[in-house]
Amino acid sequence: VTDLIEELLQPVATRRRDLLICAEKALDRKCKAEMSG
């Protein structure tokens, strides 16, 4: 968990942009961000 938290807190510019995805989108549903434009 310690290593994972360190990875997650890296700036998006230094890690894969698609590493974290809206949980709703991962379940093939529309996420709140997509519904708001």
PDB file of all heavy atoms in Angstrom:
ATOM      1  N   VAL A   1       0.839  -1.202   0.000  1.00  0.00           N
ATOM      2  CA  VAL A   1       0.000   0.000   0.000  1.00  0.00           C
ATOM      3  C   VAL A   1       0.873   1.252   0.000  1.00  0.00           C
ATOM      4  O   VAL A   1       0.573   2.223  -0.694  1.00  0.00           O
ATOM      5  CB  VAL A   1      -0.978  -0.013   1.196  1.00  0.00           C
ATOM      6  CG1 VAL A   1      -1.733   1.293   1.283  1.00  0.00           C
ATOM      7  CG2 VAL A   1      -1.943  -1.186   1.069  1.00  0.00           C
ATOM      8  N   THR A   2       1.964   1.227   0.731  1.00  0.00           N
ATOM      9  CA  THR A   2       2.870   2.378   0.782  1.00  0.00           C
ATOM     10  C   THR A   2       3.411   2.706  -0.609  1.00  0.00           C
ATOM     11  O   THR A   2       3.406   3.865  -1.036  1.00  0.00           O
ATOM     12  CB  THR A   2       4.037   2.106   1.746  1.00  0.00           C
ATOM     13  OG1 THR A   2       3.508   1.748   3.020  1.00  0.00           O
ATOM     14  CG2 THR A   2       4.917   3.329   1.891  1.00  0.00           C
ATOM     15  N   ASP A   3       3.872   1.685  -1.336  1.00  0.00           N
ATOM     16  CA  ASP A   3       4.391   1.898  -2.691  1.00  0.00           C
ATOM     17  C   ASP A   3       3.286   2.364  -3.628  1.00  0.00           C
ATOM     18  O   ASP A   3       3.499   3.219  -4.484  1.00  0.00           O
ATOM     19  CB  ASP A   3       5.027   0.621  -3.246  1.00  0.00           C
ATOM     20  CG  ASP A   3       6.319   0.256  -2.535  1.00  0.00           C
ATOM     21  OD1 ASP A   3       6.892   1.130  -1.845  1.00  0.00           O
ATOM     22  OD2 ASP A   3       6.748  -0.911  -2.665  1.00  0.00           O
ATOM     23  N   LEU A   4       2.113   1.799  -3.466  1.00  0.00           N
ATOM     24  CA  LEU A   4       0.989   2.171  -4.320  1.00  0.00           C
ATOM     25  C   LEU A   4       0.585   3.627  -4.089  1.00  0.00           C
ATOM     26  O   LEU A   4       0.351   4.374  -5.047  1.00  0.00           O
ATOM     27  CB  LEU A   4      -0.200   1.239  -4.074  1.00  0.00           C
ATOM     28  CG  LEU A   4      -1.424   1.448  -4.938  1.00  0.00           C
ATOM     29  CD1 LEU A   4      -1.084   1.365  -6.422  1.00  0.00           C
ATOM     30  CD2 LEU A   4      -2.489   0.429  -4.583  1.00  0.00           C
ATOM     31  N   ILE A   5       0.533   4.054  -2.839  1.00  0.00           N
ATOM     32  CA  ILE A   5       0.192   5.450  -2.542  1.00  0.00           C
ATOM     33  C   ILE A   5       1.230   6.385  -3.142  1.00  0.00           C
ATOM     34  O   ILE A   5       0.887   7.413  -3.729  1.00  0.00           O
ATOM     35  CB  ILE A   5       0.045   5.662  -1.016  1.00  0.00           C
ATOM     36  CG1 ILE A   5      -1.214   4.964  -0.520  1.00  0.00           C
ATOM     37  CG2 ILE A   5       0.026   7.150  -0.672  1.00  0.00           C
ATOM     38  CD1 ILE A   5      -1.367   4.943   0.980  1.00  0.00           C
ATOM     39  N   GLU A   6       2.498   6.006  -3.031  1.00  0.00           N
ATOM     40  CA  GLU A   6       3.565   6.823  -3.625  1.00  0.00           C
ATOM     41  C   GLU A   6       3.366   6.940  -5.138  1.00  0.00           C
ATOM     42  O   GLU A   6       3.520   8.013  -5.708  1.00  0.00           O
ATOM     43  CB  GLU A   6       4.924   6.208  -3.304  1.00  0.00           C
ATOM     44  CG  GLU A   6       6.088   7.057  -3.733  1.00  0.00           C
ATOM     45  CD  GLU A   6       7.409   6.448  -3.304  1.00  0.00           C
ATOM     46  OE1 GLU A   6       7.551   6.122  -2.118  1.00  0.00           O
ATOM     47  OE2 GLU A   6       8.280   6.307  -4.181  1.00  0.00           O
ATOM     48  N   GLU A   7       3.009   5.831  -5.783  1.00  0.00           N
ATOM     49  CA  GLU A   7       2.760   5.848  -7.230  1.00  0.00           C
ATOM     50  C   GLU A   7       1.566   6.745  -7.572  1.00  0.00           C
ATOM     51  O   GLU A   7       1.617   7.535  -8.508  1.00  0.00           O
ATOM     52  CB  GLU A   7       2.498   4.427  -7.730  1.00  0.00           C
ATOM     53  CG  GLU A   7       2.136   4.367  -9.197  1.00  0.00           C
ATOM     54  CD  GLU A   7       1.674   2.983  -9.629  1.00  0.00           C
ATOM     55  OE1 GLU A   7       1.113   2.236  -8.795  1.00  0.00           O
ATOM     56  OE2 GLU A   7       1.866   2.669 -10.797  1.00  0.00           O
ATOM     57  N   LEU A   8       0.497   6.634  -6.793  1.00  0.00           N
ATOM     58  CA  LEU A   8      -0.713   7.408  -7.073  1.00  0.00           C
ATOM     59  C   LEU A   8      -0.507   8.905  -6.912  1.00  0.00           C
ATOM     60  O   LEU A   8      -1.160   9.701  -7.583  1.00  0.00           O
ATOM     61  CB  LEU A   8      -1.847   6.958  -6.155  1.00  0.00           C
ATOM     62  CG  LEU A   8      -2.328   5.522  -6.306  1.00  0.00           C
ATOM     63  CD1 LEU A   8      -3.410   5.228  -5.288  1.00  0.00           C
ATOM     64  CD2 LEU A   8      -2.784   5.227  -7.708  1.00  0.00           C
ATOM     65  N   LEU A   9       0.377   9.289  -6.017  1.00  0.00           N
ATOM     66  CA  LEU A   9       0.596  10.707  -5.762  1.00  0.00           C
ATOM     67  C   LEU A   9       1.596  11.351  -6.725  1.00  0.00           C
ATOM     68  O   LEU A   9       1.858  12.543  -6.623  1.00  0.00           O
ATOM     69  CB  LEU A   9       1.028  10.925  -4.304  1.00  0.00           C
ATOM     70  CG  LEU A   9      -0.058  10.611  -3.284  1.00  0.00           C
ATOM     71  CD1 LEU A   9       0.486  10.762  -1.873  1.00  0.00           C
ATOM     72  CD2 LEU A   9      -1.283  11.490  -3.484  1.00  0.00           C
ATOM     73  N   GLN A  10       2.111  10.566  -7.671  1.00  0.00           N
ATOM     74  CA  GLN A  10       2.988  11.135  -8.700  1.00  0.00           C
ATOM     75  C   GLN A  10       2.165  12.046  -9.596  1.00  0.00           C
ATOM     76  O   GLN A  10       0.995  11.770  -9.874  1.00  0.00           O
ATOM     77  CB  GLN A  10       3.613  10.028  -9.555  1.00  0.00           C
ATOM     78  CG  GLN A  10       4.559   9.136  -8.818  1.00  0.00           C
ATOM     79  CD  GLN A  10       5.771   9.891  -8.327  1.00  0.00           C
ATOM     80  OE1 GLN A  10       6.374  10.662  -9.066  1.00  0.00           O
ATOM     81  NE2 GLN A  10       6.098   9.694  -7.068  1.00  0.00           N
ATOM     82  N   PRO A  11       2.769  13.137 -10.071  1.00  0.00           N
ATOM     83  CA  PRO A  11       2.043  13.982 -11.023  1.00  0.00           C
ATOM     84  C   PRO A  11       1.635  13.178 -12.262  1.00  0.00           C
ATOM     85  O   PRO A  11       2.340  12.256 -12.670  1.00  0.00           O
ATOM     86  CB  PRO A  11       3.069  15.055 -11.398  1.00  0.00           C
ATOM     87  CG  PRO A  11       4.072  15.031 -10.299  1.00  0.00           C
ATOM     88  CD  PRO A  11       4.098  13.631  -9.770  1.00  0.00           C
ATOM     89  N   VAL A  12       0.503  13.513 -12.819  1.00  0.00           N
ATOM     90  CA  VAL A  12      -0.001  12.797 -14.000  1.00  0.00           C
ATOM     91  C   VAL A  12       1.029  12.840 -15.130  1.00  0.00           C
ATOM     92  O   VAL A  12       1.144  11.905 -15.915  1.00  0.00           O
ATOM     93  CB  VAL A  12      -1.355  13.379 -14.455  1.00  0.00           C
ATOM     94  CG1 VAL A  12      -1.849  12.696 -15.715  1.00  0.00           C
ATOM     95  CG2 VAL A  12      -2.384  13.222 -13.351  1.00  0.00           C
ATOM     96  N   ALA A  13       1.825  13.895 -15.183  1.00  0.00           N
ATOM     97  CA  ALA A  13       2.836  14.030 -16.239  1.00  0.00           C
ATOM     98  C   ALA A  13       3.949  12.984 -16.124  1.00  0.00           C
ATOM     99  O   ALA A  13       4.625  12.692 -17.108  1.00  0.00           O
ATOM    100  CB  ALA A  13       3.445  15.426 -16.208  1.00  0.00           C
ATOM    101  N   THR A  14       4.119  12.390 -14.931  1.00  0.00           N
ATOM    102  CA  THR A  14       5.200  11.420 -14.742  1.00  0.00           C
ATOM    103  C   THR A  14       4.705   9.982 -14.598  1.00  0.00           C
ATOM    104  O   THR A  14       5.495   9.084 -14.363  1.00  0.00           O
ATOM    105  CB  THR A  14       6.050  11.785 -13.503  1.00  0.00           C
ATOM    106  OG1 THR A  14       5.221  11.746 -12.351  1.00  0.00           O
ATOM    107  CG2 THR A  14       6.688  13.144 -13.662  1.00  0.00           C
ATOM    108  N   ARG A  15       3.430   9.773 -14.718  1.00  0.00           N
ATOM    109  CA  ARG A  15       2.893   8.408 -14.681  1.00  0.00           C
ATOM    110  C   ARG A  15       1.906   8.240 -15.832  1.00  0.00           C
ATOM    111  O   ARG A  15       1.538   9.202 -16.493  1.00  0.00           O
ATOM    112  CB  ARG A  15       2.234   8.109 -13.337  1.00  0.00           C
ATOM    113  CG  ARG A  15       0.970   8.890 -13.074  1.00  0.00           C
ATOM    114  CD  ARG A  15       0.182   8.276 -11.922  1.00  0.00           C
ATOM    115  NE  ARG A  15      -0.925   9.081 -11.509  1.00  0.00           N
ATOM    116  CZ  ARG A  15      -2.110   9.125 -12.138  1.00  0.00           C
ATOM    117  NH1 ARG A  15      -2.316   8.405 -13.216  1.00  0.00           N
ATOM    118  NH2 ARG A  15      -3.083   9.888 -11.699  1.00  0.00           N
ATOM    119  N   ARG A  16       1.498   7.016 -16.063  1.00  0.00           N
ATOM    120  CA  ARG A  16       0.524   6.764 -17.126  1.00  0.00           C
ATOM    121  C   ARG A  16      -0.761   7.505 -16.849  1.00  0.00           C
ATOM    122  O   ARG A  16      -1.342   7.402 -15.770  1.00  0.00           O
ATOM    123  CB  ARG A  16       0.217   5.271 -17.228  1.00  0.00           C
ATOM    124  CG  ARG A  16       1.261   4.497 -17.938  1.00  0.00           C
ATOM    125  CD  ARG A  16       0.846   3.063 -18.225  1.00  0.00           C
ATOM    126  NE  ARG A  16      -0.573   2.886 -18.397  1.00  0.00           N
ATOM    127  CZ  ARG A  16      -1.215   1.792 -17.996  1.00  0.00           C
ATOM    128  NH1 ARG A  16      -0.585   0.810 -17.405  1.00  0.00           N
ATOM    129  NH2 ARG A  16      -2.515   1.682 -18.193  1.00  0.00           N
ATOM    130  N   ARG A  17      -1.224   8.252 -17.817  1.00  0.00           N
ATOM    131  CA  ARG A  17      -2.442   9.049 -17.636  1.00  0.00           C
ATOM    132  C   ARG A  17      -3.672   8.172 -17.408  1.00  0.00           C
ATOM    133  O   ARG A  17      -4.591   8.530 -16.683  1.00  0.00           O
ATOM    134  CB  ARG A  17      -2.655   9.929 -18.875  1.00  0.00           C
ATOM    135  CG  ARG A  17      -3.840  10.849 -18.734  1.00  0.00           C
ATOM    136  CD  ARG A  17      -3.863  11.857 -19.883  1.00  0.00           C
ATOM    137  NE  ARG A  17      -4.891  12.843 -19.646  1.00  0.00           N
ATOM    138  CZ  ARG A  17      -6.109  12.759 -20.166  1.00  0.00           C
ATOM    139  NH1 ARG A  17      -6.443  11.753 -20.936  1.00  0.00           N
ATOM    140  NH2 ARG A  17      -6.996  13.690 -19.911  1.00  0.00           N
ATOM    141  N   ASP A  18      -3.676   7.006 -18.012  1.00  0.00           N
ATOM    142  CA  ASP A  18      -4.836   6.118 -17.910  1.00  0.00           C
ATOM    143  C   ASP A  18      -4.731   5.117 -16.761  1.00  0.00           C
ATOM    144  O   ASP A  18      -5.459   4.138 -16.718  1.00  0.00           O
ATOM    145  CB  ASP A  18      -5.065   5.395 -19.228  1.00  0.00           C
ATOM    146  CG  ASP A  18      -3.904   4.494 -19.625  1.00  0.00           C
ATOM    147  OD1 ASP A  18      -2.822   4.588 -19.010  1.00  0.00           O
ATOM    148  OD2 ASP A  18      -4.076   3.694 -20.554  1.00  0.00           O
ATOM    149  N   LEU A  19      -3.836   5.371 -15.812  1.00  0.00           N
ATOM    150  CA  LEU A  19      -3.646   4.452 -14.693  1.00  0.00           C
ATOM    151  C   LEU A  19      -4.899   4.382 -13.813  1.00  0.00           C
ATOM    152  O   LEU A  19      -5.304   3.321 -13.380  1.00  0.00           O
ATOM    153  CB  LEU A  19      -2.449   4.889 -13.852  1.00  0.00           C
ATOM    154  CG  LEU A  19      -2.034   3.947 -12.742  1.00  0.00           C
ATOM    155  CD1 LEU A  19      -1.540   2.627 -13.317  1.00  0.00           C
ATOM    156  CD2 LEU A  19      -0.951   4.582 -11.894  1.00  0.00           C
ATOM    157  N   LEU A  20      -5.526   5.537 -13.563  1.00  0.00           N
ATOM    158  CA  LEU A  20      -6.724   5.586 -12.737  1.00  0.00           C
ATOM    159  C   LEU A  20      -7.923   5.970 -13.588  1.00  0.00           C
ATOM    160  O   LEU A  20      -7.877   6.945 -14.331  1.00  0.00           O
ATOM    161  CB  LEU A  20      -6.548   6.609 -11.612  1.00  0.00           C
ATOM    162  CG  LEU A  20      -5.411   6.336 -10.643  1.00  0.00           C
ATOM    163  CD1 LEU A  20      -5.295   7.466  -9.642  1.00  0.00           C
ATOM    164  CD2 LEU A  20      -5.581   5.005  -9.948  1.00  0.00           C
ATOM    165  N   ILE A  21      -8.976   5.195 -13.460  1.00  0.00           N
ATOM    166  CA  ILE A  21     -10.188   5.406 -14.249  1.00  0.00           C
ATOM    167  C   ILE A  21     -11.366   5.489 -13.282  1.00  0.00           C
ATOM    168  O   ILE A  21     -11.390   4.826 -12.243  1.00  0.00           O
ATOM    169  CB  ILE A  21     -10.399   4.246 -15.247  1.00  0.00           C
ATOM    170  CG1 ILE A  21      -9.211   4.146 -16.201  1.00  0.00           C
ATOM    171  CG2 ILE A  21     -11.687   4.405 -16.029  1.00  0.00           C
ATOM    172  CD1 ILE A  21      -9.240   2.922 -17.069  1.00  0.00           C
ATOM    173  N   CYS A  22     -12.341   6.284 -13.642  1.00  0.00           N
ATOM    174  CA  CYS A  22     -13.561   6.362 -12.858  1.00  0.00           C
ATOM    175  C   CYS A  22     -14.114   4.950 -12.635  1.00  0.00           C
ATOM    176  O   CYS A  22     -14.194   4.151 -13.573  1.00  0.00           O
ATOM    177  CB  CYS A  22     -14.574   7.225 -13.608  1.00  0.00           C
ATOM    178  SG  CYS A  22     -16.197   7.244 -12.848  1.00  0.00           S
ATOM    179  N   ALA A  23     -14.465   4.640 -11.404  1.00  0.00           N
ATOM    180  CA  ALA A  23     -14.965   3.304 -11.076  1.00  0.00           C
ATOM    181  C   ALA A  23     -16.227   2.973 -11.869  1.00  0.00           C
ATOM    182  O   ALA A  23     -16.419   1.835 -12.304  1.00  0.00           O
ATOM    183  CB  ALA A  23     -15.232   3.196  -9.582  1.00  0.00           C
ATOM    184  N   GLU A  24     -17.084   3.954 -12.069  1.00  0.00           N
ATOM    185  CA  GLU A  24     -18.305   3.725 -12.855  1.00  0.00           C
ATOM    186  C   GLU A  24     -17.959   3.348 -14.296  1.00  0.00           C
ATOM    187  O   GLU A  24     -18.568   2.447 -14.871  1.00  0.00           O
ATOM    188  CB  GLU A  24     -19.195   4.964 -12.833  1.00  0.00           C
ATOM    189  CG  GLU A  24     -19.796   5.262 -11.483  1.00  0.00           C
ATOM    190  CD  GLU A  24     -20.750   4.181 -11.012  1.00  0.00           C
ATOM    191  OE1 GLU A  24     -21.606   3.742 -11.803  1.00  0.00           O
ATOM    192  OE2 GLU A  24     -20.633   3.768  -9.848  1.00  0.00           O
ATOM    193  N   LYS A  25     -16.994   4.038 -14.880  1.00  0.00           N
ATOM    194  CA  LYS A  25     -16.590   3.760 -16.263  1.00  0.00           C
ATOM    195  C   LYS A  25     -16.015   2.347 -16.373  1.00  0.00           C
ATOM    196  O   LYS A  25     -16.249   1.648 -17.359  1.00  0.00           O
ATOM    197  CB  LYS A  25     -15.556   4.797 -16.713  1.00  0.00           C
ATOM    198  CG  LYS A  25     -15.183   4.681 -18.161  1.00  0.00           C
ATOM    199  CD  LYS A  25     -16.355   5.032 -19.041  1.00  0.00           C
ATOM    200  CE  LYS A  25     -15.940   5.112 -20.494  1.00  0.00           C
ATOM    201  NZ  LYS A  25     -17.045   5.488 -21.352  1.00  0.00           N
ATOM    202  N   ALA A  26     -15.275   1.922 -15.360  1.00  0.00           N
ATOM    203  CA  ALA A  26     -14.710   0.570 -15.364  1.00  0.00           C
ATOM    204  C   ALA A  26     -15.811  -0.490 -15.349  1.00  0.00           C
ATOM    205  O   ALA A  26     -15.602  -1.601 -15.818  1.00  0.00           O
ATOM    206  CB  ALA A  26     -13.785   0.388 -14.164  1.00  0.00           C
ATOM    207  N   LEU A  27     -16.988  -0.119 -14.845  1.00  0.00           N
ATOM    208  CA  LEU A  27     -18.132  -1.036 -14.813  1.00  0.00           C
ATOM    209  C   LEU A  27     -19.060  -0.827 -16.013  1.00  0.00           C
ATOM    210  O   LEU A  27     -20.204  -1.262 -16.006  1.00  0.00           O
ATOM    211  CB  LEU A  27     -18.918  -0.832 -13.513  1.00  0.00           C
ATOM    212  CG  LEU A  27     -18.143  -1.133 -12.232  1.00  0.00           C
ATOM    213  CD1 LEU A  27     -18.934  -0.682 -11.020  1.00  0.00           C
ATOM    214  CD2 LEU A  27     -17.799  -2.610 -12.149  1.00  0.00           C
ATOM    215  N   ASP A  28     -18.542  -0.125 -17.049  1.00  0.00           N
ATOM    216  CA  ASP A  28     -19.288   0.158 -18.280  1.00  0.00           C
ATOM    217  C   ASP A  28     -20.523   1.015 -18.048  1.00  0.00           C
ATOM    218  O   ASP A  28     -21.549   0.839 -18.702  1.00  0.00           O
ATOM    219  CB  ASP A  28     -19.672  -1.128 -19.017  1.00  0.00           C
ATOM    220  CG  ASP A  28     -18.458  -1.806 -19.615  1.00  0.00           C
ATOM    221  OD1 ASP A  28     -17.529  -1.088 -20.048  1.00  0.00           O
ATOM    222  OD2 ASP A  28     -18.432  -3.049 -19.647  1.00  0.00           O
ATOM    223  N   ARG A  29     -20.432   1.936 -17.077  1.00  0.00           N
ATOM    224  CA  ARG A  29     -21.494   2.911 -16.851  1.00  0.00           C
ATOM    225  C   ARG A  29     -20.920   4.296 -17.064  1.00  0.00           C
ATOM    226  O   ARG A  29     -19.715   4.476 -17.084  1.00  0.00           O
ATOM    227  CB  ARG A  29     -22.041   2.796 -15.425  1.00  0.00           C
ATOM    228  CG  ARG A  29     -22.706   1.468 -15.164  1.00  0.00           C
ATOM    229  CD  ARG A  29     -23.316   1.455 -13.799  1.00  0.00           C
ATOM    230  NE  ARG A  29     -22.321   0.966 -12.854  1.00  0.00           N
ATOM    231  CZ  ARG A  29     -22.603   0.362 -11.718  1.00  0.00           C
ATOM    232  NH1 ARG A  29     -23.846   0.189 -11.356  1.00  0.00           N
ATOM    233  NH2 ARG A  29     -21.657  -0.049 -10.919  1.00  0.00           N
ATOM    234  N   LYS A  30     -21.775   5.286 -17.222  1.00  0.00           N
ATOM    235  CA  LYS A  30     -21.297   6.658 -17.368  1.00  0.00           C
ATOM    236  C   LYS A  30     -20.904   7.208 -16.012  1.00  0.00           C
ATOM    237  O   LYS A  30     -21.644   7.068 -15.044  1.00  0.00           O
ATOM    238  CB  LYS A  30     -22.373   7.552 -17.979  1.00  0.00           C
ATOM    239  CG  LYS A  30     -22.431   7.476 -19.467  1.00  0.00           C
ATOM    240  CD  LYS A  30     -23.131   8.686 -20.012  1.00  0.00           C
ATOM    241  CE  LYS A  30     -22.831   8.782 -21.490  1.00  0.00           C
ATOM    242  NZ  LYS A  30     -23.124  10.078 -22.003  1.00  0.00           N
ATOM    243  N   CYS A  31     -19.730   7.827 -15.957  1.00  0.00           N
ATOM    244  CA  CYS A  31     -19.309   8.422 -14.687  1.00  0.00           C
ATOM    245  C   CYS A  31     -19.872   9.843 -14.588  1.00  0.00           C
ATOM    246  O   CYS A  31     -20.291  10.438 -15.579  1.00  0.00           O
ATOM    247  CB  CYS A  31     -17.792   8.408 -14.545  1.00  0.00           C
ATOM    248  SG  CYS A  31     -16.886   9.419 -15.701  1.00  0.00           S
ATOM    249  N   LYS A  32     -19.866  10.391 -13.360  1.00  0.00           N
ATOM    250  CA  LYS A  32     -20.424  11.721 -13.132  1.00  0.00           C
ATOM    251  C   LYS A  32     -19.741  12.773 -13.990  1.00  0.00           C
ATOM    252  O   LYS A  32     -20.381  13.691 -14.487  1.00  0.00           O
ATOM    253  CB  LYS A  32     -20.289  12.101 -11.660  1.00  0.00           C
ATOM    254  CG  LYS A  32     -21.202  11.372 -10.752  1.00  0.00           C
ATOM    255  CD  LYS A  32     -20.996  11.829  -9.315  1.00  0.00           C
ATOM    256  CE  LYS A  32     -21.826  11.016  -8.359  1.00  0.00           C
ATOM    257  NZ  LYS A  32     -21.600  11.426  -6.967  1.00  0.00           N
ATOM    258  N   ALA A  33     -18.433  12.648 -14.167  1.00  0.00           N
ATOM    259  CA  ALA A  33     -17.692  13.631 -14.968  1.00  0.00           C
ATOM    260  C   ALA A  33     -18.189  13.634 -16.408  1.00  0.00           C
ATOM    261  O   ALA A  33     -18.405  14.688 -16.994  1.00  0.00           O
ATOM    262  CB  ALA A  33     -16.199  13.337 -14.927  1.00  0.00           C
ATOM    263  N   GLU A  34     -18.390  12.463 -16.974  1.00  0.00           N
ATOM    264  CA  GLU A  34     -18.874  12.376 -18.349  1.00  0.00           C
ATOM    265  C   GLU A  34     -20.284  12.945 -18.466  1.00  0.00           C
ATOM    266  O   GLU A  34     -20.616  13.586 -19.454  1.00  0.00           O
ATOM    267  CB  GLU A  34     -18.853  10.932 -18.836  1.00  0.00           C
ATOM    268  CG  GLU A  34     -17.453  10.413 -19.074  1.00  0.00           C
ATOM    269  CD  GLU A  34     -17.454   8.980 -19.535  1.00  0.00           C
ATOM    270  OE1 GLU A  34     -18.050   8.128 -18.848  1.00  0.00           O
ATOM    271  OE2 GLU A  34     -16.861   8.709 -20.587  1.00  0.00           O
ATOM    272  N   MET A  35     -21.109  12.713 -17.457  1.00  0.00           N
ATOM    273  CA  MET A  35     -22.478  13.232 -17.503  1.00  0.00           C
ATOM    274  C   MET A  35     -22.509  14.756 -17.384  1.00  0.00           C
ATOM    275  O   MET A  35     -23.442  15.388 -17.826  1.00  0.00           O
ATOM    276  CB  MET A  35     -23.335  12.587 -16.411  1.00  0.00           C
ATOM    277  CG  MET A  35     -23.624  11.121 -16.693  1.00  0.00           C
ATOM    278  SD  MET A  35     -24.816  10.394 -15.562  1.00  0.00           S
ATOM    279  CE  MET A  35     -23.839  10.190 -14.085  1.00  0.00           C
ATOM    280  N   SER A  36     -21.456  15.328 -16.768  1.00  0.00           N
ATOM    281  CA  SER A  36     -21.418  16.786 -16.627  1.00  0.00           C
ATOM    282  C   SER A  36     -20.641  17.459 -17.749  1.00  0.00           C
ATOM    283  O   SER A  36     -20.363  18.643 -17.677  1.00  0.00           O
ATOM    284  CB  SER A  36     -20.834  17.178 -15.270  1.00  0.00           C
ATOM    285  OG  SER A  36     -19.473  16.813 -15.211  1.00  0.00           O
ATOM    286  N   GLY A  37     -20.272  16.697 -18.774  1.00  0.00           N
ATOM    287  CA  GLY A  37     -19.640  17.290 -19.938  1.00  0.00           C
ATOM    288  C   GLY A  37     -18.149  17.063 -20.077  1.00  0.00           C
ATOM    289  O   GLY A  37     -17.551  17.393 -21.093  1.00  0.00           O
TER     290      GLY A  37
END
